[in-house]
Amino acid sequence: MKTFYREDEVRIKEVPNAGRLVEGADYQIIRLILKPGEFQMPHRNQNRVIFYVLKGRGILQVEGRSFQLSVGDGAEVMTYEMRAWKNQGEEELELLIFKFL
């Protein structure tokens, strides 16, 4: 489980709005929802991922660069790149994540 924080830096211990939709031998498809003001702490992952924005808008930070993404936008993040998401909007940010194992 990932740890998320709100804008006021309060730690959110449980994230019931994240979960695997499909899992295969070499991939996972994950749905993630961040409420307004929620964000991930920067982290590295040993897997390449593709993010696709289903709803809302947010900022994806990758290796110190920021990208504003909204509905219909996608981004690929390579293995071991530092990454984090922040919901900057007033509605939920809903992402579809394709993780390659």
N, C-alpha and C. Protein backbone atom coordinates (compact mmCIF):
# COMPACT_ATOMS: atom_id res chain seq x y z
N MET A 1 0.84 -1.17 0.00
CA MET A 1 0.00 0.00 0.00
C MET A 1 0.89 1.24 0.00
N LYS A 2 0.52 2.22 -0.80
CA LYS A 2 1.27 3.46 -0.86
C LYS A 2 0.76 4.42 0.20
N THR A 3 1.59 5.35 0.60
CA THR A 3 1.22 6.35 1.57
C THR A 3 0.93 7.64 0.85
N PHE A 4 -0.21 8.24 1.12
CA PHE A 4 -0.60 9.50 0.51
C PHE A 4 -0.73 10.56 1.58
N TYR A 5 -0.60 11.81 1.18
CA TYR A 5 -0.70 12.94 2.09
C TYR A 5 -1.66 13.97 1.52
N ARG A 6 -2.34 14.68 2.39
CA ARG A 6 -3.18 15.79 1.97
C ARG A 6 -2.33 17.05 1.93
N GLU A 7 -2.91 18.11 1.40
CA GLU A 7 -2.21 19.39 1.29
C GLU A 7 -1.69 19.87 2.65
N ASP A 8 -2.44 19.58 3.72
CA ASP A 8 -2.02 20.01 5.06
C ASP A 8 -1.02 19.03 5.69
N GLU A 9 -0.48 18.12 4.88
CA GLU A 9 0.56 17.15 5.25
C GLU A 9 0.10 16.10 6.24
N VAL A 10 -1.20 15.94 6.39
CA VAL A 10 -1.73 14.87 7.23
C VAL A 10 -1.58 13.56 6.46
N ARG A 11 -1.04 12.58 7.09
CA ARG A 11 -0.82 11.28 6.47
C ARG A 11 -2.12 10.51 6.37
N ILE A 12 -2.37 9.94 5.22
CA ILE A 12 -3.54 9.09 5.03
C ILE A 12 -3.04 7.66 5.08
N LYS A 13 -3.46 6.91 6.08
CA LYS A 13 -2.90 5.58 6.30
C LYS A 13 -3.51 4.52 5.41
N GLU A 14 -4.77 4.64 5.10
CA GLU A 14 -5.41 3.63 4.26
C GLU A 14 -5.90 4.30 2.99
N VAL A 15 -5.71 3.62 1.89
CA VAL A 15 -6.12 4.16 0.60
C VAL A 15 -7.11 3.18 -0.02
N PRO A 16 -8.38 3.27 0.38
CA PRO A 16 -9.37 2.33 -0.15
C PRO A 16 -9.70 2.58 -1.61
N ASN A 17 -9.22 3.70 -2.16
CA ASN A 17 -9.53 4.09 -3.52
C ASN A 17 -8.41 3.70 -4.50
N ALA A 18 -7.61 2.70 -4.15
CA ALA A 18 -6.57 2.21 -5.05
C ALA A 18 -6.67 0.69 -5.08
N GLY A 19 -6.51 0.14 -6.25
CA GLY A 19 -6.55 -1.31 -6.30
C GLY A 19 -6.29 -1.86 -7.69
N ARG A 20 -5.83 -3.11 -7.70
CA ARG A 20 -5.57 -3.79 -8.96
C ARG A 20 -6.87 -4.19 -9.62
N LEU A 21 -6.96 -3.92 -10.89
CA LEU A 21 -8.12 -4.34 -11.66
C LEU A 21 -7.85 -5.67 -12.34
N VAL A 22 -6.64 -5.80 -12.90
CA VAL A 22 -6.24 -6.99 -13.65
C VAL A 22 -4.77 -7.27 -13.36
N GLU A 23 -4.42 -8.55 -13.26
CA GLU A 23 -3.02 -8.91 -13.03
C GLU A 23 -2.68 -10.12 -13.88
N GLY A 24 -1.56 -10.02 -14.61
CA GLY A 24 -1.06 -11.12 -15.40
C GLY A 24 0.34 -11.48 -14.96
N ALA A 25 0.98 -12.37 -15.67
CA ALA A 25 2.33 -12.81 -15.30
C ALA A 25 3.34 -11.68 -15.40
N ASP A 26 3.14 -10.75 -16.33
CA ASP A 26 4.13 -9.70 -16.53
C ASP A 26 3.54 -8.29 -16.54
N TYR A 27 2.34 -8.12 -16.02
CA TYR A 27 1.73 -6.79 -15.98
C TYR A 27 0.65 -6.71 -14.90
N GLN A 28 0.34 -5.47 -14.53
CA GLN A 28 -0.79 -5.17 -13.66
C GLN A 28 -1.49 -3.94 -14.21
N ILE A 29 -2.80 -3.90 -14.08
CA ILE A 29 -3.56 -2.69 -14.39
C ILE A 29 -4.20 -2.25 -13.08
N ILE A 30 -3.92 -1.02 -12.70
CA ILE A 30 -4.30 -0.50 -11.39
C ILE A 30 -5.13 0.77 -11.59
N ARG A 31 -6.15 0.93 -10.77
CA ARG A 31 -6.95 2.15 -10.75
C ARG A 31 -6.60 2.89 -9.47
N LEU A 32 -6.30 4.18 -9.61
CA LEU A 32 -5.93 4.99 -8.45
C LEU A 32 -6.74 6.28 -8.47
N ILE A 33 -7.29 6.63 -7.33
CA ILE A 33 -8.03 7.89 -7.19
C ILE A 33 -7.38 8.70 -6.07
N LEU A 34 -7.04 9.95 -6.38
CA LEU A 34 -6.54 10.89 -5.39
C LEU A 34 -7.59 11.99 -5.23
N LYS A 35 -7.98 12.25 -4.02
CA LYS A 35 -8.94 13.31 -3.74
C LYS A 35 -8.24 14.67 -3.83
N PRO A 36 -9.00 15.76 -3.96
CA PRO A 36 -8.37 17.07 -4.03
C PRO A 36 -7.37 17.30 -2.89
N GLY A 37 -6.18 17.75 -3.24
CA GLY A 37 -5.14 18.02 -2.25
C GLY A 37 -4.28 16.82 -1.89
N GLU A 38 -4.66 15.61 -2.25
CA GLU A 38 -3.85 14.44 -1.93
C GLU A 38 -2.66 14.34 -2.88
N PHE A 39 -1.57 13.78 -2.37
CA PHE A 39 -0.39 13.59 -3.20
C PHE A 39 0.42 12.40 -2.71
N GLN A 40 1.25 11.89 -3.59
CA GLN A 40 2.17 10.81 -3.25
C GLN A 40 3.50 11.42 -2.84
N MET A 41 4.19 10.75 -1.98
CA MET A 41 5.57 11.12 -1.71
C MET A 41 6.39 10.62 -2.89
N PRO A 42 7.42 11.35 -3.30
CA PRO A 42 8.26 10.88 -4.41
C PRO A 42 8.85 9.50 -4.07
N HIS A 43 8.86 8.64 -5.08
CA HIS A 43 9.36 7.29 -4.88
C HIS A 43 9.88 6.74 -6.20
N ARG A 44 10.70 5.71 -6.11
CA ARG A 44 11.20 5.00 -7.29
C ARG A 44 10.50 3.65 -7.34
N ASN A 45 10.34 3.14 -8.53
CA ASN A 45 9.69 1.86 -8.71
C ASN A 45 10.53 1.04 -9.67
N GLN A 46 10.64 -0.24 -9.44
CA GLN A 46 11.47 -1.08 -10.31
C GLN A 46 10.76 -1.48 -11.59
N ASN A 47 9.58 -0.88 -11.83
CA ASN A 47 8.81 -1.23 -13.01
C ASN A 47 8.53 -0.01 -13.87
N ARG A 48 8.46 -0.23 -15.18
CA ARG A 48 8.03 0.80 -16.11
C ARG A 48 6.52 0.89 -16.00
N VAL A 49 5.98 2.11 -16.01
CA VAL A 49 4.54 2.29 -15.91
C VAL A 49 4.05 3.29 -16.95
N ILE A 50 2.80 3.13 -17.33
CA ILE A 50 2.11 4.10 -18.17
C ILE A 50 0.90 4.56 -17.38
N PHE A 51 0.76 5.88 -17.24
CA PHE A 51 -0.38 6.48 -16.56
C PHE A 51 -1.34 7.03 -17.60
N TYR A 52 -2.64 6.88 -17.35
CA TYR A 52 -3.66 7.45 -18.22
C TYR A 52 -4.69 8.12 -17.32
N VAL A 53 -4.97 9.40 -17.58
CA VAL A 53 -5.89 10.15 -16.74
C VAL A 53 -7.33 9.93 -17.22
N LEU A 54 -8.15 9.34 -16.34
CA LEU A 54 -9.56 9.10 -16.64
C LEU A 54 -10.45 10.26 -16.22
N LYS A 55 -10.06 10.95 -15.15
CA LYS A 55 -10.89 12.01 -14.58
C LYS A 55 -10.01 13.00 -13.83
N GLY A 56 -10.34 14.28 -13.90
CA GLY A 56 -9.65 15.30 -13.13
C GLY A 56 -8.38 15.79 -13.79
N ARG A 57 -7.55 16.43 -12.97
CA ARG A 57 -6.26 16.92 -13.44
C ARG A 57 -5.26 16.86 -12.30
N GLY A 58 -4.01 16.70 -12.66
CA GLY A 58 -2.99 16.61 -11.64
C GLY A 58 -1.61 16.90 -12.19
N ILE A 59 -0.65 16.90 -11.29
CA ILE A 59 0.74 17.12 -11.67
C ILE A 59 1.50 15.83 -11.43
N LEU A 60 2.17 15.37 -12.46
CA LEU A 60 3.07 14.22 -12.37
C LEU A 60 4.48 14.76 -12.33
N GLN A 61 5.21 14.45 -11.28
CA GLN A 61 6.61 14.85 -11.18
C GLN A 61 7.47 13.64 -11.49
N VAL A 62 8.40 13.81 -12.39
CA VAL A 62 9.33 12.75 -12.79
C VAL A 62 10.73 13.33 -12.81
N GLU A 63 11.59 12.81 -11.95
CA GLU A 63 12.99 13.24 -11.91
C GLU A 63 13.13 14.77 -11.86
N GLY A 64 12.30 15.41 -11.01
CA GLY A 64 12.40 16.84 -10.80
C GLY A 64 11.67 17.71 -11.82
N ARG A 65 11.09 17.11 -12.83
CA ARG A 65 10.31 17.86 -13.82
C ARG A 65 8.83 17.66 -13.54
N SER A 66 8.03 18.69 -13.76
CA SER A 66 6.59 18.62 -13.50
C SER A 66 5.81 18.67 -14.81
N PHE A 67 4.78 17.82 -14.88
CA PHE A 67 3.93 17.74 -16.06
C PHE A 67 2.48 17.84 -15.61
N GLN A 68 1.72 18.77 -16.18
CA GLN A 68 0.31 18.90 -15.87
C GLN A 68 -0.46 18.01 -16.83
N LEU A 69 -1.23 17.09 -16.27
CA LEU A 69 -2.01 16.17 -17.09
C LEU A 69 -3.48 16.26 -16.71
N SER A 70 -4.34 16.06 -17.69
CA SER A 70 -5.77 16.06 -17.45
C SER A 70 -6.43 14.97 -18.27
N VAL A 71 -7.74 14.91 -18.25
CA VAL A 71 -8.50 13.83 -18.88
C VAL A 71 -7.99 13.55 -20.30
N GLY A 72 -7.70 12.28 -20.56
CA GLY A 72 -7.24 11.85 -21.87
C GLY A 72 -5.73 11.90 -22.06
N ASP A 73 -4.99 12.49 -21.11
CA ASP A 73 -3.54 12.54 -21.21
C ASP A 73 -2.92 11.27 -20.67
N GLY A 74 -1.76 10.94 -21.18
CA GLY A 74 -1.02 9.78 -20.70
C GLY A 74 0.45 10.12 -20.58
N ALA A 75 1.17 9.31 -19.81
CA ALA A 75 2.60 9.51 -19.63
C ALA A 75 3.25 8.17 -19.30
N GLU A 76 4.43 7.96 -19.83
CA GLU A 76 5.22 6.77 -19.52
C GLU A 76 6.35 7.16 -18.60
N VAL A 77 6.56 6.39 -17.55
CA VAL A 77 7.66 6.61 -16.62
C VAL A 77 8.50 5.35 -16.60
N MET A 78 9.77 5.52 -16.84
CA MET A 78 10.67 4.38 -16.97
C MET A 78 11.11 3.84 -15.60
N THR A 79 11.66 2.67 -15.64
CA THR A 79 12.15 1.98 -14.45
C THR A 79 13.09 2.87 -13.64
N TYR A 80 12.89 2.90 -12.34
CA TYR A 80 13.72 3.58 -11.35
C TYR A 80 13.71 5.10 -11.44
N GLU A 81 12.86 5.70 -12.27
CA GLU A 81 12.76 7.15 -12.27
C GLU A 81 11.95 7.60 -11.05
N MET A 82 12.41 8.66 -10.41
CA MET A 82 11.71 9.22 -9.25
C MET A 82 10.41 9.84 -9.75
N ARG A 83 9.30 9.49 -9.08
CA ARG A 83 7.99 9.94 -9.55
C ARG A 83 7.06 10.23 -8.38
N ALA A 84 6.05 11.06 -8.64
CA ALA A 84 5.02 11.36 -7.65
C ALA A 84 3.85 12.05 -8.36
N TRP A 85 2.66 11.89 -7.81
CA TRP A 85 1.45 12.53 -8.32
C TRP A 85 0.89 13.48 -7.28
N LYS A 86 0.27 14.56 -7.75
CA LYS A 86 -0.45 15.48 -6.87
C LYS A 86 -1.75 15.88 -7.56
N ASN A 87 -2.85 15.78 -6.83
CA ASN A 87 -4.13 16.23 -7.36
C ASN A 87 -4.22 17.73 -7.11
N GLN A 88 -4.17 18.50 -8.17
CA GLN A 88 -4.24 19.96 -8.04
C GLN A 88 -5.63 20.50 -8.31
N GLY A 89 -6.55 19.64 -8.66
CA GLY A 89 -7.89 20.08 -9.03
C GLY A 89 -8.86 20.10 -7.87
N GLU A 90 -10.09 20.43 -8.19
CA GLU A 90 -11.16 20.48 -7.20
C GLU A 90 -12.03 19.24 -7.23
N GLU A 91 -11.72 18.30 -8.12
CA GLU A 91 -12.43 17.03 -8.17
C GLU A 91 -11.41 15.90 -8.04
N GLU A 92 -11.91 14.68 -7.91
CA GLU A 92 -11.00 13.53 -7.80
C GLU A 92 -10.15 13.40 -9.06
N LEU A 93 -8.93 12.96 -8.86
CA LEU A 93 -8.04 12.61 -9.95
C LEU A 93 -8.06 11.09 -10.05
N GLU A 94 -8.54 10.57 -11.17
CA GLU A 94 -8.63 9.13 -11.35
C GLU A 94 -7.67 8.70 -12.44
N LEU A 95 -6.79 7.76 -12.09
CA LEU A 95 -5.75 7.29 -13.01
C LEU A 95 -5.90 5.80 -13.28
N LEU A 96 -5.58 5.43 -14.48
CA LEU A 96 -5.43 4.03 -14.85
C LEU A 96 -3.93 3.83 -15.03
N ILE A 97 -3.38 2.85 -14.34
CA ILE A 97 -1.93 2.62 -14.34
C ILE A 97 -1.64 1.25 -14.93
N PHE A 98 -0.81 1.23 -15.93
CA PHE A 98 -0.35 -0.02 -16.56
C PHE A 98 1.07 -0.24 -16.08
N LYS A 99 1.26 -1.25 -15.24
CA LYS A 99 2.57 -1.55 -14.67
C LYS A 99 3.12 -2.81 -15.33
N PHE A 100 4.35 -2.71 -15.85
CA PHE A 100 5.00 -3.83 -16.53
C PHE A 100 6.00 -4.47 -15.58
N LEU A 101 5.76 -5.71 -15.20
CA LEU A 101 6.57 -6.41 -14.19
C LEU A 101 7.81 -7.04 -14.81
